[in-house]
Amino acid sequence: MKASTLLLPTLLSSTAAIGAPLDPAKHALENFLCYRVKRPSSFQGIESKPVTDAFEDRNYDLKKLESLCNPVEVDGSVIRNPDAHLVCF
Protein backbone atom coordinates (compact mmCIF):
# COMPACT_ATOMS: atom_id res chain seq x y z
CA MET A 1 0.00 0.00 0.00
CA LYS A 2 1.40 3.40 -0.98
CA ALA A 3 1.14 6.43 1.33
CA SER A 4 -0.64 9.44 -0.15
CA THR A 5 -0.20 12.28 2.38
CA LEU A 6 2.03 13.28 5.28
CA LEU A 7 0.39 15.51 7.93
CA LEU A 8 2.71 17.59 10.13
CA PRO A 9 1.69 19.96 12.95
CA THR A 10 2.40 23.61 12.17
CA LEU A 11 1.48 27.04 13.48
CA LEU A 12 -1.56 28.96 12.33
CA SER A 13 -1.49 32.71 12.04
CA SER A 14 -3.86 35.08 10.32
CA THR A 15 -1.04 37.63 9.93
CA ALA A 16 2.07 35.58 9.08
CA ALA A 17 3.02 32.96 6.53
CA ILE A 18 2.78 29.30 7.53
CA GLY A 19 6.08 28.36 9.07
CA ALA A 20 8.11 25.20 9.33
CA PRO A 21 6.66 22.20 11.16
CA LEU A 22 6.71 22.54 14.95
CA ASP A 23 9.59 21.21 17.02
CA PRO A 24 8.34 17.76 18.20
CA ALA A 25 9.84 18.31 21.66
CA LYS A 26 7.62 21.37 22.22
CA HIS A 27 4.13 20.02 21.51
CA ALA A 28 1.96 16.95 22.00
CA LEU A 29 0.67 16.59 18.43
CA GLU A 30 1.44 13.56 16.29
CA ASN A 31 2.70 13.39 12.72
CA PHE A 32 0.46 11.23 10.53
CA LEU A 33 1.06 9.27 7.35
CA CYS A 34 -2.13 8.76 5.35
CA TYR A 35 -3.23 6.03 2.95
CA ARG A 36 -6.11 6.11 0.50
CA VAL A 37 -8.86 3.68 1.46
CA LYS A 38 -12.02 2.35 -0.08
CA ARG A 39 -15.28 2.84 1.74
CA PRO A 40 -16.60 -0.36 3.31
CA SER A 41 -20.04 -1.25 1.96
CA SER A 42 -21.38 -1.16 5.53
CA PHE A 43 -20.46 2.55 5.92
CA GLN A 44 -23.52 4.68 5.27
CA GLY A 45 -21.97 8.06 6.05
CA ILE A 46 -22.53 10.57 8.81
CA GLU A 47 -24.91 13.45 8.21
CA SER A 48 -24.55 17.03 9.36
CA LYS A 49 -21.58 17.16 11.72
CA PRO A 50 -20.88 20.72 12.95
CA VAL A 51 -17.23 21.76 12.54
CA THR A 52 -15.59 24.95 13.81
CA ASP A 53 -12.04 26.00 13.08
CA ALA A 54 -10.07 29.23 12.73
CA PHE A 55 -11.64 29.94 9.34
CA GLU A 56 -15.30 28.97 9.48
CA ASP A 57 -18.25 27.33 11.22
CA ARG A 58 -20.24 24.93 9.06
CA ASN A 59 -21.91 21.55 8.92
CA TYR A 60 -20.43 18.70 6.89
CA ASP A 61 -22.05 15.55 5.57
CA LEU A 62 -19.33 12.92 5.88
CA LYS A 63 -20.12 10.57 3.02
CA LYS A 64 -16.94 9.69 1.16
CA LEU A 65 -14.17 8.07 3.15
CA GLU A 66 -10.86 9.22 1.62
CA SER A 67 -7.97 8.11 3.80
CA LEU A 68 -6.80 6.54 7.04
CA CYS A 69 -3.85 8.19 8.80
CA ASN A 70 -1.50 6.46 11.22
CA PRO A 71 0.92 8.15 13.64
CA VAL A 72 4.47 8.16 12.28
CA GLU A 73 7.98 9.13 13.40
CA VAL A 74 9.48 11.99 11.39
CA ASP A 75 13.02 13.34 11.88
CA GLY A 76 13.45 11.64 15.23
CA SER A 77 10.04 12.51 16.64
CA VAL A 78 8.48 10.05 19.08
CA ILE A 79 4.99 8.62 18.62
CA ARG A 80 3.27 9.55 21.86
CA ASN A 81 -0.01 7.77 21.22
CA PRO A 82 0.32 4.81 18.83
CA ASP A 83 -3.42 4.13 19.12
CA ALA A 84 -4.36 7.60 17.74
CA HIS A 85 -5.48 7.55 14.10
CA LEU A 86 -7.27 9.97 11.79
CA VAL A 87 -9.96 9.28 9.23
CA CYS A 88 -10.31 11.82 6.42
CA PHE A 89 -13.52 12.44 4.51
PDB file of N, CA and C in Angstrom:
ATOM      1  N   MET A   1       0.845  -1.166   0.000  1.00  0.00           N
ATOM      2  CA  MET A   1       0.000   0.000   0.000  1.00  0.00           C
ATOM      3  C   MET A   1       0.895   1.235   0.000  1.00  0.00           C
ATOM      4  N   LYS A   2       0.590   2.209  -0.833  1.00  0.00           N
ATOM      5  CA  LYS A   2       1.400   3.399  -0.981  1.00  0.00           C
ATOM      6  C   LYS A   2       0.788   4.569  -0.205  1.00  0.00           C
ATOM      7  N   ALA A   3       1.610   5.265   0.586  1.00  0.00           N
ATOM      8  CA  ALA A   3       1.138   6.432   1.329  1.00  0.00           C
ATOM      9  C   ALA A   3       0.789   7.552   0.360  1.00  0.00           C
ATOM     10  N   SER A   4      -0.217   8.355   0.726  1.00  0.00           N
ATOM     11  CA  SER A   4      -0.643   9.442  -0.153  1.00  0.00           C
ATOM     12  C   SER A   4      -0.375  10.822   0.418  1.00  0.00           C
ATOM     13  N   THR A   5      -0.333  10.968   1.766  1.00  0.00           N
ATOM     14  CA  THR A   5      -0.204  12.285   2.383  1.00  0.00           C
ATOM     15  C   THR A   5       0.545  12.175   3.699  1.00  0.00           C
ATOM     16  N   LEU A   6       1.373  13.165   3.992  1.00  0.00           N
ATOM     17  CA  LEU A   6       2.031  13.279   5.282  1.00  0.00           C
ATOM     18  C   LEU A   6       1.486  14.526   5.966  1.00  0.00           C
ATOM     19  N   LEU A   7       0.942  14.383   7.175  1.00  0.00           N
ATOM     20  CA  LEU A   7       0.394  15.509   7.935  1.00  0.00           C
ATOM     21  C   LEU A   7       1.355  15.854   9.061  1.00  0.00           C
ATOM     22  N   LEU A   8       1.781  17.124   9.112  1.00  0.00           N
ATOM     23  CA  LEU A   8       2.711  17.594  10.131  1.00  0.00           C
ATOM     24  C   LEU A   8       2.086  18.763  10.881  1.00  0.00           C
ATOM     25  N   PRO A   9       2.192  18.807  12.206  1.00  0.00           N
ATOM     26  CA  PRO A   9       1.693  19.958  12.951  1.00  0.00           C
ATOM     27  C   PRO A   9       2.465  21.217  12.559  1.00  0.00           C
ATOM     28  N   THR A  10       1.767  22.332  12.476  1.00  0.00           N
ATOM     29  CA  THR A  10       2.403  23.609  12.175  1.00  0.00           C
ATOM     30  C   THR A  10       1.651  24.709  12.905  1.00  0.00           C
ATOM     31  N   LEU A  11       2.143  25.909  12.850  1.00  0.00           N
ATOM     32  CA  LEU A  11       1.482  27.037  13.482  1.00  0.00           C
ATOM     33  C   LEU A  11       0.445  27.620  12.541  1.00  0.00           C
ATOM     34  N   LEU A  12      -0.545  28.276  13.113  1.00  0.00           N
ATOM     35  CA  LEU A  12      -1.558  28.964  12.332  1.00  0.00           C
ATOM     36  C   LEU A  12      -1.540  30.420  12.742  1.00  0.00           C
ATOM     37  N   SER A  13      -1.463  31.290  11.768  1.00  0.00           N
ATOM     38  CA  SER A  13      -1.488  32.712  12.042  1.00  0.00           C
ATOM     39  C   SER A  13      -2.267  33.398  10.946  1.00  0.00           C
ATOM     40  N   SER A  14      -3.110  34.337  11.332  1.00  0.00           N
ATOM     41  CA  SER A  14      -3.860  35.080  10.321  1.00  0.00           C
ATOM     42  C   SER A  14      -3.039  36.240   9.773  1.00  0.00           C
ATOM     43  N   THR A  15      -1.853  36.497  10.366  1.00  0.00           N
ATOM     44  CA  THR A  15      -1.040  37.630   9.930  1.00  0.00           C
ATOM     45  C   THR A  15       0.315  37.232   9.366  1.00  0.00           C
ATOM     46  N   ALA A  16       0.747  36.005   9.547  1.00  0.00           N
ATOM     47  CA  ALA A  16       2.067  35.583   9.080  1.00  0.00           C
ATOM     48  C   ALA A  16       1.943  34.369   8.175  1.00  0.00           C
ATOM     49  N   ALA A  17       2.987  34.140   7.395  1.00  0.00           N
ATOM     50  CA  ALA A  17       3.017  32.956   6.526  1.00  0.00           C
ATOM     51  C   ALA A  17       3.115  31.698   7.384  1.00  0.00           C
ATOM     52  N   ILE A  18       2.660  30.579   6.831  1.00  0.00           N
ATOM     53  CA  ILE A  18       2.778  29.300   7.532  1.00  0.00           C
ATOM     54  C   ILE A  18       4.258  28.966   7.637  1.00  0.00           C
ATOM     55  N   GLY A  19       4.667  28.617   8.832  1.00  0.00           N
ATOM     56  CA  GLY A  19       6.078  28.355   9.066  1.00  0.00           C
ATOM     57  C   GLY A  19       6.432  26.896   8.914  1.00  0.00           C
ATOM     58  N   ALA A  20       7.626  26.581   9.354  1.00  0.00           N
ATOM     59  CA  ALA A  20       8.108  25.203   9.331  1.00  0.00           C
ATOM     60  C   ALA A  20       7.318  24.365  10.328  1.00  0.00           C
ATOM     61  N   PRO A  21       7.323  23.053  10.164  1.00  0.00           N
ATOM     62  CA  PRO A  21       6.656  22.201  11.161  1.00  0.00           C
ATOM     63  C   PRO A  21       7.195  22.483  12.562  1.00  0.00           C
ATOM     64  N   LEU A  22       6.341  22.284  13.554  1.00  0.00           N
ATOM     65  CA  LEU A  22       6.712  22.539  14.946  1.00  0.00           C
ATOM     66  C   LEU A  22       7.794  21.580  15.430  1.00  0.00           C
ATOM     67  N   ASP A  23       8.579  22.039  16.374  1.00  0.00           N
ATOM     68  CA  ASP A  23       9.587  21.209  17.024  1.00  0.00           C
ATOM     69  C   ASP A  23       8.864  20.128  17.819  1.00  0.00           C
ATOM     70  N   PRO A  24       9.079  18.835  17.526  1.00  0.00           N
ATOM     71  CA  PRO A  24       8.337  17.755  18.195  1.00  0.00           C
ATOM     72  C   PRO A  24       8.523  17.738  19.712  1.00  0.00           C
ATOM     73  N   ALA A  25       9.610  18.302  20.214  1.00  0.00           N
ATOM     74  CA  ALA A  25       9.843  18.310  21.664  1.00  0.00           C
ATOM     75  C   ALA A  25       8.983  19.356  22.368  1.00  0.00           C
ATOM     76  N   LYS A  26       8.341  20.252  21.612  1.00  0.00           N
ATOM     77  CA  LYS A  26       7.618  21.370  22.220  1.00  0.00           C
ATOM     78  C   LYS A  26       6.105  21.295  22.071  1.00  0.00           C
ATOM     79  N   HIS A  27       5.588  20.169  21.640  1.00  0.00           N
ATOM     80  CA  HIS A  27       4.132  20.021  21.511  1.00  0.00           C
ATOM     81  C   HIS A  27       3.745  18.556  21.674  1.00  0.00           C
ATOM     82  N   ALA A  28       2.440  18.316  21.782  1.00  0.00           N
ATOM     83  CA  ALA A  28       1.956  16.949  21.995  1.00  0.00           C
ATOM     84  C   ALA A  28       1.187  16.422  20.790  1.00  0.00           C
ATOM     85  N   LEU A  29       1.382  17.018  19.635  1.00  0.00           N
ATOM     86  CA  LEU A  29       0.672  16.586  18.434  1.00  0.00           C
ATOM     87  C   LEU A  29       1.481  15.544  17.686  1.00  0.00           C
ATOM     88  N   GLU A  30       0.774  14.622  17.063  1.00  0.00           N
ATOM     89  CA  GLU A  30       1.441  13.564  16.292  1.00  0.00           C
ATOM     90  C   GLU A  30       1.655  14.002  14.844  1.00  0.00           C
ATOM     91  N   ASN A  31       2.596  13.361  14.172  1.00  0.00           N
ATOM     92  CA  ASN A  31       2.705  13.393  12.722  1.00  0.00           C
ATOM     93  C   ASN A  31       1.900  12.198  12.220  1.00  0.00           C
ATOM     94  N   PHE A  32       1.270  12.327  11.063  1.00  0.00           N
ATOM     95  CA  PHE A  32       0.462  11.231  10.528  1.00  0.00           C
ATOM     96  C   PHE A  32       0.822  10.964   9.077  1.00  0.00           C
ATOM     97  N   LEU A  33       0.875   9.699   8.728  1.00  0.00           N
ATOM     98  CA  LEU A  33       1.055   9.273   7.352  1.00  0.00           C
ATOM     99  C   LEU A  33      -0.262   8.656   6.899  1.00  0.00           C
ATOM    100  N   CYS A  34      -0.780   9.146   5.775  1.00  0.00           N
ATOM    101  CA  CYS A  34      -2.129   8.760   5.345  1.00  0.00           C
ATOM    102  C   CYS A  34      -2.104   7.874   4.105  1.00  0.00           C
ATOM    103  N   TYR A  35      -3.072   6.991   4.055  1.00  0.00           N
ATOM    104  CA  TYR A  35      -3.230   6.034   2.953  1.00  0.00           C
ATOM    105  C   TYR A  35      -4.651   6.136   2.412  1.00  0.00           C
ATOM    106  N   ARG A  36      -4.773   6.114   1.103  1.00  0.00           N
ATOM    107  CA  ARG A  36      -6.110   6.109   0.498  1.00  0.00           C
ATOM    108  C   ARG A  36      -6.800   4.792   0.835  1.00  0.00           C
ATOM    109  N   VAL A  37      -8.089   4.879   1.121  1.00  0.00           N
ATOM    110  CA  VAL A  37      -8.856   3.681   1.458  1.00  0.00           C
ATOM    111  C   VAL A  37     -10.150   3.665   0.661  1.00  0.00           C
ATOM    112  N   LYS A  38     -10.711   2.496   0.554  1.00  0.00           N
ATOM    113  CA  LYS A  38     -12.023   2.350  -0.080  1.00  0.00           C
ATOM    114  C   LYS A  38     -13.066   2.236   1.018  1.00  0.00           C
ATOM    115  N   ARG A  39     -14.191   2.844   0.773  1.00  0.00           N
ATOM    116  CA  ARG A  39     -15.280   2.839   1.741  1.00  0.00           C
ATOM    117  C   ARG A  39     -15.863   1.448   1.872  1.00  0.00           C
ATOM    118  N   PRO A  40     -15.942   0.938   3.119  1.00  0.00           N
ATOM    119  CA  PRO A  40     -16.599  -0.360   3.311  1.00  0.00           C
ATOM    120  C   PRO A  40     -18.081  -0.251   2.931  1.00  0.00           C
ATOM    121  N   SER A  41     -18.630  -1.287   2.377  1.00  0.00           N
ATOM    122  CA  SER A  41     -20.043  -1.246   1.962  1.00  0.00           C
ATOM    123  C   SER A  41     -20.976  -1.016   3.146  1.00  0.00           C
ATOM    124  N   SER A  42     -20.532  -1.356   4.347  1.00  0.00           N
ATOM    125  CA  SER A  42     -21.381  -1.163   5.527  1.00  0.00           C
ATOM    126  C   SER A  42     -21.416   0.296   5.993  1.00  0.00           C
ATOM    127  N   PHE A  43     -20.503   1.146   5.501  1.00  0.00           N
ATOM    128  CA  PHE A  43     -20.457   2.545   5.924  1.00  0.00           C
ATOM    129  C   PHE A  43     -21.499   3.347   5.163  1.00  0.00           C
ATOM    130  N   GLN A  44     -22.437   3.915   5.892  1.00  0.00           N
ATOM    131  CA  GLN A  44     -23.520   4.675   5.268  1.00  0.00           C
ATOM    132  C   GLN A  44     -23.311   6.183   5.329  1.00  0.00           C
ATOM    133  N   GLY A  45     -22.239   6.628   5.948  1.00  0.00           N
ATOM    134  CA  GLY A  45     -21.971   8.058   6.049  1.00  0.00           C
ATOM    135  C   GLY A  45     -22.488   8.622   7.359  1.00  0.00           C
ATOM    136  N   ILE A  46     -22.112   9.857   7.616  1.00  0.00           N
ATOM    137  CA  ILE A  46     -22.533  10.572   8.809  1.00  0.00           C
ATOM    138  C   ILE A  46     -23.066  11.913   8.341  1.00  0.00           C
ATOM    139  N   GLU A  47     -24.298  12.219   8.687  1.00  0.00           N
ATOM    140  CA  GLU A  47     -24.907  13.452   8.206  1.00  0.00           C
ATOM    141  C   GLU A  47     -24.758  14.588   9.195  1.00  0.00           C
ATOM    142  N   SER A  48     -24.504  15.757   8.660  1.00  0.00           N
ATOM    143  CA  SER A  48     -24.552  17.033   9.356  1.00  0.00           C
ATOM    144  C   SER A  48     -23.778  17.073  10.666  1.00  0.00           C
ATOM    145  N   LYS A  49     -22.455  16.998  10.559  1.00  0.00           N
ATOM    146  CA  LYS A  49     -21.583  17.163  11.723  1.00  0.00           C
ATOM    147  C   LYS A  49     -21.100  18.610  11.763  1.00  0.00           C
ATOM    148  N   PRO A  50     -21.362  19.339  12.861  1.00  0.00           N
ATOM    149  CA  PRO A  50     -20.877  20.719  12.950  1.00  0.00           C
ATOM    150  C   PRO A  50     -19.367  20.751  13.173  1.00  0.00           C
ATOM    151  N   VAL A  51     -18.674  21.617  12.428  1.00  0.00           N
ATOM    152  CA  VAL A  51     -17.227  21.757  12.536  1.00  0.00           C
ATOM    153  C   VAL A  51     -16.895  23.245  12.655  1.00  0.00           C
ATOM    154  N   THR A  52     -16.045  23.571  13.616  1.00  0.00           N
ATOM    155  CA  THR A  52     -15.594  24.946  13.807  1.00  0.00           C
ATOM    156  C   THR A  52     -14.075  24.949  13.825  1.00  0.00           C
ATOM    157  N   ASP A  53     -13.485  25.825  13.037  1.00  0.00           N
ATOM    158  CA  ASP A  53     -12.037  25.999  13.079  1.00  0.00           C
ATOM    159  C   ASP A  53     -11.718  27.487  13.001  1.00  0.00           C
ATOM    160  N   ALA A  54     -10.484  27.829  12.753  1.00  0.00           N
ATOM    161  CA  ALA A  54     -10.073  29.232  12.730  1.00  0.00           C
ATOM    162  C   ALA A  54     -10.646  29.997  11.543  1.00  0.00           C
ATOM    163  N   PHE A  55     -11.188  29.291  10.554  1.00  0.00           N
ATOM    164  CA  PHE A  55     -11.643  29.942   9.344  1.00  0.00           C
ATOM    165  C   PHE A  55     -13.154  29.987   9.165  1.00  0.00           C
ATOM    166  N   GLU A  56     -13.862  29.005   9.721  1.00  0.00           N
ATOM    167  CA  GLU A  56     -15.298  28.966   9.483  1.00  0.00           C
ATOM    168  C   GLU A  56     -16.018  28.045  10.463  1.00  0.00           C
ATOM    169  N   ASP A  57     -17.331  28.232  10.525  1.00  0.00           N
ATOM    170  CA  ASP A  57     -18.246  27.326  11.219  1.00  0.00           C
ATOM    171  C   ASP A  57     -19.197  26.798  10.151  1.00  0.00           C
ATOM    172  N   ARG A  58     -19.275  25.486  10.020  1.00  0.00           N
ATOM    173  CA  ARG A  58     -20.239  24.932   9.062  1.00  0.00           C
ATOM    174  C   ARG A  58     -20.513  23.482   9.386  1.00  0.00           C
ATOM    175  N   ASN A  59     -21.560  22.956   8.774  1.00  0.00           N
ATOM    176  CA  ASN A  59     -21.915  21.546   8.918  1.00  0.00           C
ATOM    177  C   ASN A  59     -21.403  20.780   7.707  1.00  0.00           C
ATOM    178  N   TYR A  60     -20.929  19.572   7.959  1.00  0.00           N
ATOM    179  CA  TYR A  60     -20.434  18.701   6.894  1.00  0.00           C
ATOM    180  C   TYR A  60     -21.207  17.394   6.908  1.00  0.00           C
ATOM    181  N   ASP A  61     -21.537  16.907   5.722  1.00  0.00           N
ATOM    182  CA  ASP A  61     -22.052  15.554   5.566  1.00  0.00           C
ATOM    183  C   ASP A  61     -20.851  14.686   5.201  1.00  0.00           C
ATOM    184  N   LEU A  62     -20.516  13.748   6.069  1.00  0.00           N
ATOM    185  CA  LEU A  62     -19.331  12.918   5.879  1.00  0.00           C
ATOM    186  C   LEU A  62     -19.733  11.640   5.141  1.00  0.00           C
ATOM    187  N   LYS A  63     -19.619  11.677   3.836  1.00  0.00           N
ATOM    188  CA  LYS A  63     -20.120  10.572   3.025  1.00  0.00           C
ATOM    189  C   LYS A  63     -19.019   9.752   2.369  1.00  0.00           C
ATOM    190  N   LYS A  64     -17.962  10.403   1.914  1.00  0.00           N
ATOM    191  CA  LYS A  64     -16.938   9.691   1.157  1.00  0.00           C
ATOM    192  C   LYS A  64     -15.666   9.557   1.994  1.00  0.00           C
ATOM    193  N   LEU A  65     -15.383   8.358   2.411  1.00  0.00           N
ATOM    194  CA  LEU A  65     -14.174   8.066   3.154  1.00  0.00           C
ATOM    195  C   LEU A  65     -12.991   8.154   2.196  1.00  0.00           C
ATOM    196  N   GLU A  66     -11.997   8.993   2.519  1.00  0.00           N
ATOM    197  CA  GLU A  66     -10.864   9.220   1.622  1.00  0.00           C
ATOM    198  C   GLU A  66      -9.591   8.513   2.074  1.00  0.00           C
ATOM    199  N   SER A  67      -9.244   8.672   3.360  1.00  0.00           N
ATOM    200  CA  SER A  67      -7.972   8.115   3.805  1.00  0.00           C
ATOM    201  C   SER A  67      -7.969   7.794   5.294  1.00  0.00           C
ATOM    202  N   LEU A  68      -7.055   6.912   5.650  1.00  0.00           N
ATOM    203  CA  LEU A  68      -6.796   6.537   7.037  1.00  0.00           C
ATOM    204  C   LEU A  68      -5.360   6.950   7.330  1.00  0.00           C
ATOM    205  N   CYS A  69      -5.169   7.662   8.457  1.00  0.00           N
ATOM    206  CA  CYS A  69      -3.850   8.190   8.801  1.00  0.00           C
ATOM    207  C   CYS A  69      -3.362   7.566  10.098  1.00  0.00           C
ATOM    208  N   ASN A  70      -2.120   7.095  10.069  1.00  0.00           N
ATOM    209  CA  ASN A  70      -1.496   6.461  11.225  1.00  0.00           C
ATOM    210  C   ASN A  70      -0.393   7.363  11.766  1.00  0.00           C
ATOM    211  N   PRO A  71      -0.182   7.367  13.095  1.00  0.00           N
ATOM    212  CA  PRO A  71       0.923   8.151  13.639  1.00  0.00           C
ATOM    213  C   PRO A  71       2.258   7.617  13.107  1.00  0.00           C
ATOM    214  N   VAL A  72       3.201   8.540  12.880  1.00  0.00           N
ATOM    215  CA  VAL A  72       4.473   8.158  12.278  1.00  0.00           C
ATOM    216  C   VAL A  72       5.603   8.994  12.876  1.00  0.00           C
ATOM    217  N   GLU A  73       6.786   8.404  12.971  1.00  0.00           N
ATOM    218  CA  GLU A  73       7.977   9.131  13.402  1.00  0.00           C
ATOM    219  C   GLU A  73       8.545   9.894  12.207  1.00  0.00           C
ATOM    220  N   VAL A  74       8.871  11.168  12.426  1.00  0.00           N
ATOM    221  CA  VAL A  74       9.480  11.990  11.386  1.00  0.00           C
ATOM    222  C   VAL A  74      10.656  12.738  12.006  1.00  0.00           C
ATOM    223  N   ASP A  75      11.826  12.630  11.406  1.00  0.00           N
ATOM    224  CA  ASP A  75      13.022  13.344  11.879  1.00  0.00           C
ATOM    225  C   ASP A  75      13.267  13.153  13.362  1.00  0.00           C
ATOM    226  N   GLY A  76      13.154  11.934  13.841  1.00  0.00           N
ATOM    227  CA  GLY A  76      13.455  11.641  15.233  1.00  0.00           C
ATOM    228  C   GLY A  76      12.330  11.902  16.213  1.00  0.00           C
ATOM    229  N   SER A  77      11.170  12.291  15.729  1.00  0.00           N
ATOM    230  CA  SER A  77      10.041  12.508  16.639  1.00  0.00           C
ATOM    231  C   SER A  77       9.614  11.179  17.254  1.00  0.00           C
ATOM    232  N   VAL A  78       8.940  11.245  18.372  1.00  0.00           N
ATOM    233  CA  VAL A  78       8.478  10.054  19.075  1.00  0.00           C
ATOM    234  C   VAL A  78       6.959   9.978  18.951  1.00  0.00           C
ATOM    235  N   ILE A  79       6.446   8.810  18.645  1.00  0.00           N
ATOM    236  CA  ILE A  79       4.993   8.619  18.616  1.00  0.00           C
ATOM    237  C   ILE A  79       4.519   8.524  20.060  1.00  0.00           C
ATOM    238  N   ARG A  80       3.727   9.500  20.475  1.00  0.00           N
ATOM    239  CA  ARG A  80       3.269   9.552  21.863  1.00  0.00           C
ATOM    240  C   ARG A  80       2.045   8.675  22.103  1.00  0.00           C
ATOM    241  N   ASN A  81       1.214   8.552  21.087  1.00  0.00           N
ATOM    242  CA  ASN A  81      -0.007   7.769  21.223  1.00  0.00           C
ATOM    243  C   ASN A  81      -0.173   6.884  19.989  1.00  0.00           C
ATOM    244  N   PRO A  82       0.392   5.681  20.004  1.00  0.00           N
ATOM    245  CA  PRO A  82       0.323   4.808  18.826  1.00  0.00           C
ATOM    246  C   PRO A  82      -1.089   4.342  18.481  1.00  0.00           C
ATOM    247  N   ASP A  83      -2.033   4.521  19.387  1.00  0.00           N
ATOM    248  CA  ASP A  83      -3.424   4.128  19.117  1.00  0.00           C
ATOM    249  C   ASP A  83      -4.228   5.268  18.486  1.00  0.00           C
ATOM    250  N   ALA A  84      -3.647   6.453  18.332  1.00  0.00           N
ATOM    251  CA  ALA A  84      -4.357   7.596  17.738  1.00  0.00           C
ATOM    252  C   ALA A  84      -4.275   7.489  16.219  1.00  0.00           C
ATOM    253  N   HIS A  85      -5.411   7.579  15.566  1.00  0.00           N
ATOM    254  CA  HIS A  85      -5.475   7.549  14.101  1.00  0.00           C
ATOM    255  C   HIS A  85      -6.454   8.618  13.636  1.00  0.00           C
ATOM    256  N   LEU A  86      -6.338   9.024  12.383  1.00  0.00           N
ATOM    257  CA  LEU A  86      -7.267   9.972  11.787  1.00  0.00           C
ATOM    258  C   LEU A  86      -7.974   9.316  10.613  1.00  0.00           C
ATOM    259  N   VAL A  87      -9.217   9.683  10.412  1.00  0.00           N
ATOM    260  CA  VAL A  87      -9.957   9.278   9.228  1.00  0.00           C
ATOM    261  C   VAL A  87     -10.322  10.556   8.500  1.00  0.00           C
ATOM    262  N   CYS A  88     -10.024  10.631   7.217  1.00  0.00           N
ATOM    263  CA  CYS A  88     -10.306  11.823   6.422  1.00  0.00           C
ATOM    264  C   CYS A  88     -11.452  11.545   5.467  1.00  0.00           C
ATOM    265  N   PHE A  89     -12.357  12.525   5.393  1.00  0.00           N
ATOM    266  CA  PHE A  89     -13.520  12.435   4.507  1.00  0.00           C
ATOM    267  C   PHE A  89     -13.413  13.477   3.426  1.00  0.00           C
TER     268      PHE A  89
END
